[in-house]
């Protein structure tokens, strides 16, 4: 019997994949957040906390 399981949640997997495939030194946290949010279809991705650090 083959089980179709995943060892990570969708958001975490998308975040790790985005981190591995893009140059983190050339994009802001906000850009990365938007990439990961777009790729995450089965979870409600939200921002929490102080957003000042996402601008640089």
C-alpha atoms as a PDB file:
ATOM      1  CA  UNK A   1       0.000   0.000   0.000  1.00  0.00           C
ATOM      2  CA  UNK A   2       1.411   3.379  -0.994  1.00  0.00           C
ATOM      3  CA  UNK A   3       0.624   6.314   1.274  1.00  0.00           C
ATOM      4  CA  UNK A   4       0.682   9.836  -0.147  1.00  0.00           C
ATOM      5  CA  UNK A   5       2.019  11.754   2.833  1.00  0.00           C
ATOM      6  CA  UNK A   6       4.039  14.897   3.347  1.00  0.00           C
ATOM      7  CA  UNK A   7       6.431  15.679   6.194  1.00  0.00           C
ATOM      8  CA  UNK A   8       5.916  19.446   5.967  1.00  0.00           C
ATOM      9  CA  UNK A   9       2.918  21.719   5.800  1.00  0.00           C
ATOM     10  CA  UNK A  10       2.248  23.473   2.499  1.00  0.00           C
ATOM     11  CA  UNK A  11       3.408  26.922   3.645  1.00  0.00           C
ATOM     12  CA  UNK A  12       6.694  25.638   5.119  1.00  0.00           C
ATOM     13  CA  UNK A  13       7.433  23.591   2.013  1.00  0.00           C
ATOM     14  CA  UNK A  14       6.760  26.585  -0.247  1.00  0.00           C
ATOM     15  CA  UNK A  15       8.907  28.843   1.950  1.00  0.00           C
ATOM     16  CA  UNK A  16      11.841  26.405   1.870  1.00  0.00           C
ATOM     17  CA  UNK A  17      11.500  25.928  -1.890  1.00  0.00           C
ATOM     18  CA  UNK A  18      11.361  29.687  -2.481  1.00  0.00           C
ATOM     19  CA  UNK A  19      14.418  30.213  -0.273  1.00  0.00           C
ATOM     20  CA  UNK A  20      16.388  27.579  -2.198  1.00  0.00           C
ATOM     21  CA  UNK A  21      15.417  28.853  -5.659  1.00  0.00           C
ATOM     22  CA  UNK A  22      15.727  32.632  -5.233  1.00  0.00           C
ATOM     23  CA  UNK A  23      18.613  34.845  -4.142  1.00  0.00           C
ATOM     24  CA  UNK A  24      17.540  35.997  -0.680  1.00  0.00           C
ATOM     25  CA  UNK A  25      20.061  38.848  -0.840  1.00  0.00           C
ATOM     26  CA  UNK A  26      18.236  40.399  -3.799  1.00  0.00           C
ATOM     27  CA  UNK A  27      14.670  40.449  -2.515  1.00  0.00           C
ATOM     28  CA  UNK A  28      12.863  41.851   0.481  1.00  0.00           C
ATOM     29  CA  UNK A  29      10.972  39.815   3.059  1.00  0.00           C
ATOM     30  CA  UNK A  30       7.780  41.283   1.637  1.00  0.00           C
ATOM     31  CA  UNK A  31       8.636  39.998  -1.856  1.00  0.00           C
ATOM     32  CA  UNK A  32       9.397  36.546  -0.472  1.00  0.00           C
ATOM     33  CA  UNK A  33       6.177  36.573   1.555  1.00  0.00           C
ATOM     34  CA  UNK A  34       4.162  37.403  -1.566  1.00  0.00           C
ATOM     35  CA  UNK A  35       5.868  34.614  -3.559  1.00  0.00           C
ATOM     36  CA  UNK A  36       5.130  32.061  -0.860  1.00  0.00           C
ATOM     37  CA  UNK A  37       1.570  33.299  -0.329  1.00  0.00           C
ATOM     38  CA  UNK A  38       0.858  32.973  -4.065  1.00  0.00           C
ATOM     39  CA  UNK A  39       2.223  29.410  -4.105  1.00  0.00           C
ATOM     40  CA  UNK A  40       0.273  28.350  -1.000  1.00  0.00           C
ATOM     41  CA  UNK A  41      -3.216  27.434  -2.165  1.00  0.00           C
ATOM     42  CA  UNK A  42      -4.683  25.406   0.706  1.00  0.00           C
ATOM     43  CA  UNK A  43      -3.795  27.619   3.686  1.00  0.00           C
ATOM     44  CA  UNK A  44      -4.696  31.143   4.711  1.00  0.00           C
ATOM     45  CA  UNK A  45      -1.323  32.910   4.801  1.00  0.00           C
ATOM     46  CA  UNK A  46      -1.298  35.998   7.028  1.00  0.00           C
ATOM     47  CA  UNK A  47       1.185  38.629   8.216  1.00  0.00           C
ATOM     48  CA  UNK A  48       1.592  39.264  11.934  1.00  0.00           C
ATOM     49  CA  UNK A  49       3.728  41.700  13.899  1.00  0.00           C
ATOM     50  CA  UNK A  50       5.802  44.723  12.972  1.00  0.00           C
ATOM     51  CA  UNK A  51       6.071  45.119   9.180  1.00  0.00           C
ATOM     52  CA  UNK A  52       8.906  47.695   9.210  1.00  0.00           C
ATOM     53  CA  UNK A  53      11.572  45.028   8.570  1.00  0.00           C
ATOM     54  CA  UNK A  54       9.823  43.865   5.373  1.00  0.00           C
ATOM     55  CA  UNK A  55      10.594  47.132   3.597  1.00  0.00           C
ATOM     56  CA  UNK A  56      14.373  46.781   3.462  1.00  0.00           C
END
